[in-house]
Amino acid sequence: MSNVSPPRTTRRLTERNPRRRPQLEKLTTSHLARRLGIQSGILLNRLVRRGFLTLKDGRKYLTPDGRRAGGEEITRRAKGRFVVWPQDLLLKILE
């Protein structure tokens, strides 16, 4: 008889915490800009021109068109309020 422990298996985060919903990959505006190879400010201007965002008092607000495009406002205690976008928004921006 040996004291060999069973092999450790890796489980997905959702398996360890079933209450946590699996998330689709969404990117912040700055991450989306990095994927496009442009500066965040340029992407921000494009999102405003497309009607996905509006700027008021120096803050970004998601518009109804932005929500339909898949944008979502997120609030985190440590990071504050920000907007995330689906990865396929890249195609819509490049059109």
N, C-alpha and C. Protein backbone atom coordinates (compact mmCIF):
# COMPACT_ATOMS: atom_id res chain seq x y z
N MET A 1 0.83 -1.17 0.00
CA MET A 1 0.00 0.00 0.00
C MET A 1 0.88 1.24 0.00
N SER A 2 0.63 2.15 -0.91
CA SER A 2 1.44 3.36 -0.96
C SER A 2 0.57 4.57 -0.64
N ASN A 3 1.22 5.59 -0.25
CA ASN A 3 0.53 6.84 0.07
C ASN A 3 0.56 7.79 -1.12
N VAL A 4 0.14 7.34 -2.26
CA VAL A 4 0.13 8.16 -3.46
C VAL A 4 -1.21 8.87 -3.53
N SER A 5 -1.13 10.18 -3.63
CA SER A 5 -2.38 10.93 -3.71
C SER A 5 -2.90 10.88 -5.14
N PRO A 6 -4.21 11.01 -5.32
CA PRO A 6 -4.77 10.97 -6.67
C PRO A 6 -4.27 12.17 -7.47
N PRO A 7 -4.20 12.04 -8.77
CA PRO A 7 -3.72 13.16 -9.59
C PRO A 7 -4.63 14.37 -9.44
N ARG A 8 -4.00 15.53 -9.42
CA ARG A 8 -4.78 16.77 -9.33
C ARG A 8 -5.33 17.10 -10.70
N THR A 9 -6.53 17.50 -10.71
CA THR A 9 -7.13 17.89 -11.98
C THR A 9 -7.46 19.37 -11.90
N THR A 10 -7.39 20.00 -13.02
CA THR A 10 -7.77 21.41 -13.06
C THR A 10 -9.23 21.49 -13.48
N ARG A 11 -9.91 22.36 -12.83
CA ARG A 11 -11.32 22.56 -13.17
C ARG A 11 -11.51 24.01 -13.56
N ARG A 12 -12.49 24.23 -14.36
CA ARG A 12 -12.82 25.59 -14.74
C ARG A 12 -13.38 26.33 -13.55
N LEU A 13 -13.25 27.64 -13.59
CA LEU A 13 -13.72 28.47 -12.49
C LEU A 13 -15.21 28.27 -12.25
N THR A 14 -15.97 28.08 -13.31
CA THR A 14 -17.41 27.91 -13.14
C THR A 14 -17.73 26.60 -12.44
N GLU A 15 -16.85 25.60 -12.57
CA GLU A 15 -17.09 24.34 -11.88
C GLU A 15 -16.81 24.48 -10.39
N ARG A 16 -15.82 25.30 -10.04
CA ARG A 16 -15.50 25.50 -8.64
C ARG A 16 -16.54 26.38 -7.96
N ASN A 17 -17.07 27.32 -8.69
CA ASN A 17 -18.05 28.25 -8.14
C ASN A 17 -19.26 28.25 -9.08
N PRO A 18 -20.20 27.34 -8.89
CA PRO A 18 -21.30 27.22 -9.84
C PRO A 18 -22.21 28.44 -9.90
N ARG A 19 -22.17 29.30 -8.87
CA ARG A 19 -23.02 30.49 -8.91
C ARG A 19 -22.47 31.53 -9.87
N ARG A 20 -21.20 31.45 -10.17
CA ARG A 20 -20.59 32.41 -11.08
C ARG A 20 -20.95 32.05 -12.51
N ARG A 21 -21.52 33.00 -13.24
CA ARG A 21 -21.92 32.75 -14.61
C ARG A 21 -20.71 32.84 -15.53
N PRO A 22 -20.62 31.96 -16.52
CA PRO A 22 -19.53 32.11 -17.48
C PRO A 22 -19.74 33.39 -18.28
N GLN A 23 -18.67 34.14 -18.47
CA GLN A 23 -18.79 35.41 -19.16
C GLN A 23 -18.29 35.27 -20.59
N LEU A 24 -18.99 35.95 -21.48
CA LEU A 24 -18.49 36.06 -22.83
C LEU A 24 -17.37 37.08 -22.80
N GLU A 25 -16.42 36.93 -23.66
CA GLU A 25 -15.28 37.83 -23.67
C GLU A 25 -15.72 39.23 -24.11
N LYS A 26 -15.61 40.18 -23.19
CA LYS A 26 -15.86 41.57 -23.50
C LYS A 26 -14.62 42.35 -23.14
N LEU A 27 -14.36 43.41 -23.90
CA LEU A 27 -13.14 44.17 -23.74
C LEU A 27 -13.45 45.61 -23.34
N THR A 28 -12.58 46.19 -22.53
CA THR A 28 -12.72 47.61 -22.22
C THR A 28 -12.36 48.39 -23.48
N THR A 29 -12.69 49.67 -23.47
CA THR A 29 -12.39 50.51 -24.62
C THR A 29 -10.89 50.53 -24.89
N SER A 30 -10.08 50.60 -23.84
CA SER A 30 -8.63 50.64 -24.05
C SER A 30 -8.10 49.31 -24.60
N HIS A 31 -8.65 48.18 -24.15
CA HIS A 31 -8.22 46.88 -24.69
C HIS A 31 -8.65 46.73 -26.15
N LEU A 32 -9.85 47.23 -26.46
CA LEU A 32 -10.33 47.19 -27.83
C LEU A 32 -9.43 48.03 -28.72
N ALA A 33 -9.01 49.20 -28.24
CA ALA A 33 -8.11 50.06 -29.00
C ALA A 33 -6.77 49.36 -29.25
N ARG A 34 -6.26 48.69 -28.23
CA ARG A 34 -5.00 47.96 -28.38
C ARG A 34 -5.12 46.90 -29.47
N ARG A 35 -6.25 46.19 -29.49
CA ARG A 35 -6.45 45.15 -30.52
C ARG A 35 -6.50 45.76 -31.92
N LEU A 36 -7.05 46.99 -32.00
CA LEU A 36 -7.11 47.68 -33.29
C LEU A 36 -5.78 48.32 -33.66
N GLY A 37 -4.89 48.46 -32.69
CA GLY A 37 -3.61 49.10 -32.94
C GLY A 37 -3.69 50.61 -33.01
N ILE A 38 -4.68 51.19 -32.30
CA ILE A 38 -4.83 52.64 -32.29
C ILE A 38 -4.88 53.13 -30.85
N GLN A 39 -4.77 54.44 -30.67
CA GLN A 39 -4.83 55.02 -29.34
C GLN A 39 -6.28 55.03 -28.84
N SER A 40 -6.43 54.96 -27.53
CA SER A 40 -7.77 54.93 -26.92
C SER A 40 -8.59 56.16 -27.30
N GLY A 41 -7.95 57.32 -27.35
CA GLY A 41 -8.66 58.56 -27.70
C GLY A 41 -9.25 58.53 -29.10
N ILE A 42 -8.51 57.93 -30.02
CA ILE A 42 -9.01 57.81 -31.40
C ILE A 42 -10.22 56.89 -31.43
N LEU A 43 -10.15 55.76 -30.74
CA LEU A 43 -11.28 54.84 -30.68
C LEU A 43 -12.47 55.51 -30.00
N LEU A 44 -12.21 56.24 -28.94
CA LEU A 44 -13.28 56.94 -28.24
C LEU A 44 -14.01 57.90 -29.19
N ASN A 45 -13.25 58.64 -29.99
CA ASN A 45 -13.86 59.55 -30.97
C ASN A 45 -14.70 58.79 -31.99
N ARG A 46 -14.20 57.62 -32.43
CA ARG A 46 -14.97 56.81 -33.38
C ARG A 46 -16.27 56.31 -32.76
N LEU A 47 -16.20 55.89 -31.50
CA LEU A 47 -17.40 55.40 -30.81
C LEU A 47 -18.42 56.52 -30.63
N VAL A 48 -17.95 57.72 -30.37
CA VAL A 48 -18.85 58.88 -30.25
C VAL A 48 -19.45 59.20 -31.61
N ARG A 49 -18.62 59.23 -32.68
CA ARG A 49 -19.14 59.52 -34.02
C ARG A 49 -20.16 58.49 -34.48
N ARG A 50 -19.94 57.22 -34.12
CA ARG A 50 -20.89 56.15 -34.48
C ARG A 50 -22.16 56.20 -33.63
N GLY A 51 -22.14 56.99 -32.56
CA GLY A 51 -23.32 57.09 -31.71
C GLY A 51 -23.39 56.03 -30.62
N PHE A 52 -22.29 55.31 -30.40
CA PHE A 52 -22.27 54.28 -29.35
C PHE A 52 -22.04 54.88 -27.97
N LEU A 53 -21.34 56.01 -27.92
CA LEU A 53 -21.06 56.70 -26.66
C LEU A 53 -21.40 58.17 -26.81
N THR A 54 -21.66 58.79 -25.69
CA THR A 54 -21.79 60.24 -25.66
C THR A 54 -20.93 60.75 -24.51
N LEU A 55 -20.40 61.95 -24.66
CA LEU A 55 -19.57 62.54 -23.63
C LEU A 55 -20.31 63.70 -22.98
N LYS A 56 -20.39 63.68 -21.65
CA LYS A 56 -21.00 64.76 -20.89
C LYS A 56 -20.12 65.03 -19.69
N ASP A 57 -19.72 66.27 -19.54
CA ASP A 57 -18.88 66.67 -18.40
C ASP A 57 -17.63 65.81 -18.28
N GLY A 58 -17.04 65.43 -19.41
CA GLY A 58 -15.81 64.65 -19.40
C GLY A 58 -15.99 63.17 -19.09
N ARG A 59 -17.23 62.71 -18.97
CA ARG A 59 -17.49 61.29 -18.69
C ARG A 59 -18.14 60.64 -19.89
N LYS A 60 -17.87 59.35 -20.04
CA LYS A 60 -18.43 58.57 -21.15
C LYS A 60 -19.73 57.92 -20.70
N TYR A 61 -20.75 58.02 -21.55
CA TYR A 61 -22.03 57.38 -21.28
C TYR A 61 -22.43 56.53 -22.48
N LEU A 62 -22.90 55.35 -22.20
CA LEU A 62 -23.36 54.43 -23.23
C LEU A 62 -24.72 54.89 -23.74
N THR A 63 -24.88 54.91 -25.04
CA THR A 63 -26.15 55.30 -25.65
C THR A 63 -26.98 54.05 -25.94
N PRO A 64 -28.26 54.22 -26.26
CA PRO A 64 -29.06 53.05 -26.66
C PRO A 64 -28.45 52.30 -27.84
N ASP A 65 -27.87 53.03 -28.81
CA ASP A 65 -27.20 52.36 -29.94
C ASP A 65 -25.99 51.57 -29.46
N GLY A 66 -25.28 52.10 -28.48
CA GLY A 66 -24.14 51.39 -27.91
C GLY A 66 -24.56 50.10 -27.22
N ARG A 67 -25.72 50.16 -26.54
CA ARG A 67 -26.23 48.94 -25.89
C ARG A 67 -26.63 47.90 -26.94
N ARG A 68 -27.28 48.36 -28.01
CA ARG A 68 -27.67 47.43 -29.08
C ARG A 68 -26.44 46.81 -29.74
N ALA A 69 -25.32 47.54 -29.77
CA ALA A 69 -24.08 47.02 -30.35
C ALA A 69 -23.39 46.05 -29.40
N GLY A 70 -23.92 45.92 -28.17
CA GLY A 70 -23.36 44.96 -27.22
C GLY A 70 -22.57 45.60 -26.09
N GLY A 71 -22.51 46.93 -26.06
CA GLY A 71 -21.81 47.62 -24.99
C GLY A 71 -22.53 47.45 -23.66
N GLU A 72 -21.77 47.49 -22.60
CA GLU A 72 -22.35 47.30 -21.26
C GLU A 72 -21.56 48.15 -20.27
N GLU A 73 -22.29 48.86 -19.41
CA GLU A 73 -21.64 49.64 -18.36
C GLU A 73 -21.42 48.75 -17.15
N ILE A 74 -20.21 48.77 -16.63
CA ILE A 74 -19.83 47.96 -15.49
C ILE A 74 -19.35 48.90 -14.39
N THR A 75 -19.71 48.59 -13.16
CA THR A 75 -19.21 49.36 -12.02
C THR A 75 -18.52 48.39 -11.08
N ARG A 76 -17.28 48.70 -10.77
CA ARG A 76 -16.49 47.91 -9.83
C ARG A 76 -16.01 48.83 -8.73
N ARG A 77 -16.03 48.33 -7.52
CA ARG A 77 -15.61 49.14 -6.38
C ARG A 77 -14.20 49.67 -6.56
N ALA A 78 -13.29 48.82 -7.01
CA ALA A 78 -11.89 49.21 -7.13
C ALA A 78 -11.61 50.07 -8.36
N LYS A 79 -12.36 49.85 -9.45
CA LYS A 79 -12.05 50.53 -10.71
C LYS A 79 -13.05 51.60 -11.10
N GLY A 80 -14.18 51.66 -10.45
CA GLY A 80 -15.19 52.65 -10.82
C GLY A 80 -16.07 52.16 -11.96
N ARG A 81 -16.62 53.11 -12.72
CA ARG A 81 -17.54 52.80 -13.81
C ARG A 81 -16.79 52.84 -15.14
N PHE A 82 -17.03 51.82 -15.98
CA PHE A 82 -16.41 51.77 -17.30
C PHE A 82 -17.30 50.99 -18.24
N VAL A 83 -16.99 51.06 -19.52
CA VAL A 83 -17.79 50.40 -20.55
C VAL A 83 -16.97 49.25 -21.13
N VAL A 84 -17.64 48.12 -21.34
CA VAL A 84 -17.01 46.97 -22.01
C VAL A 84 -17.77 46.68 -23.30
N TRP A 85 -17.05 46.12 -24.25
CA TRP A 85 -17.60 45.88 -25.58
C TRP A 85 -17.33 44.44 -26.00
N PRO A 86 -18.23 43.86 -26.81
CA PRO A 86 -17.95 42.52 -27.33
C PRO A 86 -16.81 42.58 -28.35
N GLN A 87 -16.09 41.49 -28.48
CA GLN A 87 -14.97 41.47 -29.41
C GLN A 87 -15.39 41.72 -30.84
N ASP A 88 -16.60 41.30 -31.22
CA ASP A 88 -17.02 41.47 -32.61
C ASP A 88 -17.33 42.92 -32.95
N LEU A 89 -17.26 43.81 -31.97
CA LEU A 89 -17.44 45.22 -32.26
C LEU A 89 -16.31 45.73 -33.15
N LEU A 90 -15.19 45.03 -33.11
CA LEU A 90 -14.06 45.38 -33.98
C LEU A 90 -14.53 45.47 -35.44
N LEU A 91 -15.33 44.49 -35.83
CA LEU A 91 -15.80 44.47 -37.23
C LEU A 91 -16.71 45.65 -37.53
N LYS A 92 -17.58 46.02 -36.59
CA LYS A 92 -18.49 47.13 -36.79
C LYS A 92 -17.74 48.45 -36.88
N ILE A 93 -16.68 48.60 -36.09
CA ILE A 93 -15.91 49.84 -36.09
C ILE A 93 -15.10 49.97 -37.38
N LEU A 94 -14.62 48.85 -37.89
CA LEU A 94 -13.78 48.91 -39.08
C LEU A 94 -14.57 49.06 -40.37
N GLU A 95 -15.89 48.90 -40.32
CA GLU A 95 -16.72 49.00 -41.54
C GLU A 95 -16.66 50.39 -42.11
